[in-house]
C-alpha atoms as a PDB file:
ATOM      1  CA  GLU A   1     107.556 -24.448 -18.101  1.00  0.00           C
ATOM      2  CA  VAL A   2     104.939 -26.903 -17.060  1.00  0.00           C
ATOM      3  CA  GLN A   3     105.111 -27.867 -13.419  1.00  0.00           C
ATOM      4  CA  LEU A   4     102.910 -29.934 -11.085  1.00  0.00           C
ATOM      5  CA  VAL A   5     103.345 -30.110  -7.296  1.00  0.00           C
ATOM      6  CA  GLU A   6     101.401 -32.493  -5.136  1.00  0.00           C
ATOM      7  CA  SER A   7     100.634 -31.939  -1.508  1.00  0.00           C
ATOM      8  CA  GLY A   8      98.320 -33.361   1.205  1.00  0.00           C
ATOM      9  CA  GLY A   9      99.659 -36.726   1.649  1.00  0.00           C
ATOM     10  CA  GLY A  10     100.175 -38.242   5.112  1.00  0.00           C
ATOM     11  CA  LEU A  11      99.453 -41.061   7.512  1.00  0.00           C
ATOM     12  CA  VAL A  12      95.802 -41.908   8.249  1.00  0.00           C
ATOM     13  CA  GLN A  13      93.958 -44.743   9.834  1.00  0.00           C
ATOM     14  CA  ALA A  14      91.736 -47.002   7.766  1.00  0.00           C
ATOM     15  CA  GLY A  15      88.298 -45.358   7.221  1.00  0.00           C
ATOM     16  CA  GLY A  16      89.805 -41.897   7.435  1.00  0.00           C
ATOM     17  CA  SER A  17      90.125 -39.193   4.753  1.00  0.00           C
ATOM     18  CA  LEU A  18      92.720 -37.084   3.027  1.00  0.00           C
ATOM     19  CA  ARG A  19      92.624 -34.447   0.322  1.00  0.00           C
ATOM     20  CA  LEU A  20      95.442 -34.294  -2.140  1.00  0.00           C
ATOM     21  CA  SER A  21      96.155 -31.093  -4.120  1.00  0.00           C
ATOM     22  CA  CYS A  22      97.910 -30.733  -7.432  1.00  0.00           C
ATOM     23  CA  ALA A  23      99.064 -27.189  -8.043  1.00  0.00           C
ATOM     24  CA  THR A  24      99.812 -26.623 -11.753  1.00  0.00           C
ATOM     25  CA  SER A  25     101.743 -23.855 -13.499  1.00  0.00           C
ATOM     26  CA  GLY A  26     102.872 -23.250 -17.025  1.00  0.00           C
ATOM     27  CA  PHE A  27      99.329 -23.742 -18.408  1.00  0.00           C
ATOM     28  CA  THR A  28      95.830 -23.074 -17.281  1.00  0.00           C
ATOM     29  CA  LEU A  29      93.080 -25.553 -16.503  1.00  0.00           C
ATOM     30  CA  ASP A  30      90.802 -23.610 -18.860  1.00  0.00           C
ATOM     31  CA  ASP A  31      92.917 -25.187 -21.635  1.00  0.00           C
ATOM     32  CA  ASP A  32      91.705 -28.485 -22.987  1.00  0.00           C
ATOM     33  CA  TYR A  33      94.159 -30.506 -20.894  1.00  0.00           C
ATOM     34  CA  ALA A  34      93.536 -33.314 -18.573  1.00  0.00           C
ATOM     35  CA  ILE A  35      94.904 -33.912 -15.118  1.00  0.00           C
ATOM     36  CA  GLY A  36      95.211 -37.402 -13.772  1.00  0.00           C
ATOM     37  CA  TRP A  37      96.013 -38.875 -10.437  1.00  0.00           C
ATOM     38  CA  PHE A  38      98.119 -42.022 -10.336  1.00  0.00           C
ATOM     39  CA  ARG A  39      99.606 -44.088  -7.551  1.00  0.00           C
ATOM     40  CA  GLN A  40     102.401 -46.616  -7.183  1.00  0.00           C
ATOM     41  CA  ALA A  41     102.957 -48.940  -4.290  1.00  0.00           C
ATOM     42  CA  PRO A  42     106.264 -50.719  -3.688  1.00  0.00           C
ATOM     43  CA  GLY A  43     106.707 -53.528  -6.029  1.00  0.00           C
ATOM     44  CA  LYS A  44     103.612 -52.692  -8.014  1.00  0.00           C
ATOM     45  CA  GLU A  45     102.962 -50.978 -11.324  1.00  0.00           C
ATOM     46  CA  ARG A  46     101.741 -47.411 -11.517  1.00  0.00           C
ATOM     47  CA  GLU A  47      97.961 -47.355 -11.443  1.00  0.00           C
ATOM     48  CA  GLY A  48      95.627 -44.783 -12.779  1.00  0.00           C
ATOM     49  CA  VAL A  49      93.244 -43.515 -10.007  1.00  0.00           C
ATOM     50  CA  SER A  50      91.226 -40.717 -11.429  1.00  0.00           C
ATOM     51  CA  SER A  51      91.423 -37.923 -14.106  1.00  0.00           C
ATOM     52  CA  ILE A  52      89.598 -34.797 -15.007  1.00  0.00           C
ATOM     53  CA  ARG A  53      89.273 -32.589 -17.998  1.00  0.00           C
ATOM     54  CA  SER A  54      88.414 -29.169 -16.611  1.00  0.00           C
ATOM     55  CA  SER A  55      87.161 -27.692 -19.886  1.00  0.00           C
ATOM     56  CA  ASP A  56      84.069 -29.904 -19.766  1.00  0.00           C
ATOM     57  CA  GLY A  57      84.240 -31.599 -16.353  1.00  0.00           C
ATOM     58  CA  ARG A  58      84.764 -35.027 -17.781  1.00  0.00           C
ATOM     59  CA  THR A  59      85.959 -37.326 -14.995  1.00  0.00           C
ATOM     60  CA  ASN A  60      87.255 -40.885 -14.905  1.00  0.00           C
ATOM     61  CA  TYR A  61      87.787 -43.246 -11.910  1.00  0.00           C
ATOM     62  CA  ALA A  62      89.323 -46.558 -11.384  1.00  0.00           C
ATOM     63  CA  ASP A  63      86.915 -49.204 -10.184  1.00  0.00           C
ATOM     64  CA  SER A  64      88.866 -49.590  -6.968  1.00  0.00           C
ATOM     65  CA  VAL A  65      88.074 -46.074  -5.856  1.00  0.00           C
ATOM     66  CA  LYS A  66      84.730 -45.361  -7.300  1.00  0.00           C
ATOM     67  CA  GLY A  67      82.378 -44.084  -4.604  1.00  0.00           C
ATOM     68  CA  ARG A  68      85.262 -43.215  -2.318  1.00  0.00           C
ATOM     69  CA  PHE A  69      87.369 -40.756  -4.171  1.00  0.00           C
ATOM     70  CA  THR A  70      86.284 -37.579  -5.854  1.00  0.00           C
ATOM     71  CA  ILE A  71      88.351 -35.455  -8.227  1.00  0.00           C
ATOM     72  CA  SER A  72      87.704 -31.798  -8.676  1.00  0.00           C
ATOM     73  CA  SER A  73      89.347 -28.686  -9.994  1.00  0.00           C
ATOM     74  CA  ASP A  74      89.540 -24.985  -9.112  1.00  0.00           C
ATOM     75  CA  ASN A  75      90.447 -23.389 -12.362  1.00  0.00           C
ATOM     76  CA  ALA A  76      90.988 -20.001 -10.739  1.00  0.00           C
ATOM     77  CA  LYS A  77      93.709 -21.560  -8.577  1.00  0.00           C
ATOM     78  CA  ASN A  78      94.990 -23.888 -11.288  1.00  0.00           C
ATOM     79  CA  THR A  79      94.653 -26.678  -8.849  1.00  0.00           C
ATOM     80  CA  VAL A  80      93.151 -30.136  -8.980  1.00  0.00           C
ATOM     81  CA  TYR A  81      92.070 -31.996  -5.853  1.00  0.00           C
ATOM     82  CA  LEU A  82      91.602 -35.676  -5.034  1.00  0.00           C
ATOM     83  CA  GLN A  83      89.254 -36.150  -2.014  1.00  0.00           C
ATOM     84  CA  MET A  84      89.834 -39.600  -0.695  1.00  0.00           C
ATOM     85  CA  ASN A  85      87.371 -40.996   1.783  1.00  0.00           C
ATOM     86  CA  SER A  86      86.927 -44.420   3.433  1.00  0.00           C
ATOM     87  CA  LEU A  87      90.672 -45.097   2.962  1.00  0.00           C
ATOM     88  CA  LYS A  88      91.898 -48.670   3.059  1.00  0.00           C
ATOM     89  CA  PRO A  89      95.394 -50.009   3.686  1.00  0.00           C
ATOM     90  CA  GLU A  90      95.540 -51.028   0.101  1.00  0.00           C
ATOM     91  CA  ASP A  91      95.307 -47.350  -0.961  1.00  0.00           C
ATOM     92  CA  THR A  92      98.828 -46.894   0.530  1.00  0.00           C
ATOM     93  CA  ALA A  93     101.093 -45.682  -2.209  1.00  0.00           C
ATOM     94  CA  VAL A  94     102.892 -42.649  -3.603  1.00  0.00           C
ATOM     95  CA  TYR A  95     100.349 -40.475  -5.371  1.00  0.00           C
ATOM     96  CA  TYR A  96     101.358 -38.510  -8.517  1.00  0.00           C
ATOM     97  CA  CYS A  97      99.505 -35.981 -10.517  1.00  0.00           C
ATOM     98  CA  ALA A  98     100.184 -35.599 -14.244  1.00  0.00           C
ATOM     99  CA  ALA A  99      99.064 -33.417 -17.135  1.00  0.00           C
ATOM    100  CA  ASP A 100      97.859 -34.797 -20.470  1.00  0.00           C
ATOM    101  CA  LEU A 101      98.135 -32.110 -23.035  1.00  0.00           C
ATOM    102  CA  ALA A 102      95.932 -34.001 -25.530  1.00  0.00           C
ATOM    103  CA  GLY A 103      93.194 -33.863 -23.051  1.00  0.00           C
ATOM    104  CA  TRP A 104      92.075 -37.519 -23.328  1.00  0.00           C
ATOM    105  CA  ALA A 105      91.649 -37.842 -19.563  1.00  0.00           C
ATOM    106  CA  THR A 106      92.331 -41.553 -19.559  1.00  0.00           C
ATOM    107  CA  LEU A 107      93.847 -43.608 -16.697  1.00  0.00           C
ATOM    108  CA  THR A 108      96.770 -44.734 -18.810  1.00  0.00           C
ATOM    109  CA  TRP A 109     100.022 -43.343 -17.393  1.00  0.00           C
ATOM    110  CA  TYR A 110     101.993 -43.293 -20.653  1.00  0.00           C
ATOM    111  CA  GLU A 111      99.509 -40.911 -22.203  1.00  0.00           C
ATOM    112  CA  TYR A 112     100.548 -38.155 -19.775  1.00  0.00           C
ATOM    113  CA  ASP A 113     103.204 -35.678 -20.607  1.00  0.00           C
ATOM    114  CA  TYR A 114     104.271 -33.973 -17.308  1.00  0.00           C
ATOM    115  CA  TRP A 115     104.509 -35.442 -13.870  1.00  0.00           C
ATOM    116  CA  GLY A 116     104.841 -34.107 -10.344  1.00  0.00           C
ATOM    117  CA  ARG A 117     107.211 -35.738  -7.853  1.00  0.00           C
ATOM    118  CA  GLY A 118     104.498 -37.384  -5.758  1.00  0.00           C
ATOM    119  CA  THR A 119     103.213 -37.372  -2.235  1.00  0.00           C
ATOM    120  CA  GLN A 120     103.096 -40.423   0.075  1.00  0.00           C
ATOM    121  CA  VAL A 121      99.799 -41.705   1.414  1.00  0.00           C
ATOM    122  CA  THR A 122      99.933 -44.342   4.179  1.00  0.00           C
ATOM    123  CA  VAL A 123      96.826 -45.964   5.487  1.00  0.00           C
ATOM    124  CA  SER A 124      97.182 -47.956   8.672  1.00  0.00           C
ATOM    125  CA  SER A 125      94.907 -50.819   9.614  1.00  0.00           C
END
């Protein structure tokens, strides 16, 4: 059974940093899958933030987070991380990780097959 569990969210002041973790099970990151991070703020659509395909290290970032967020994976731990620096109030959202079994590593949410339950990130001004 494929499972994804997010952790690392919390409350941080603008300019601060958080590192989110996505622990996966039911498959290995050595497979040609992709893991994506998405976020959804109240009243807004789900937005793709970043993705990674661990088999070749291909990454993808939304323009709104380029230069501030970094996605990485530890295949030995089957865990994907999202390091978020220089956080802004507009980064406030529930952050979800998801698995794309086709391995496209896009930022399109409906291309992902399995989802975690999310972790809240709140950035105060």
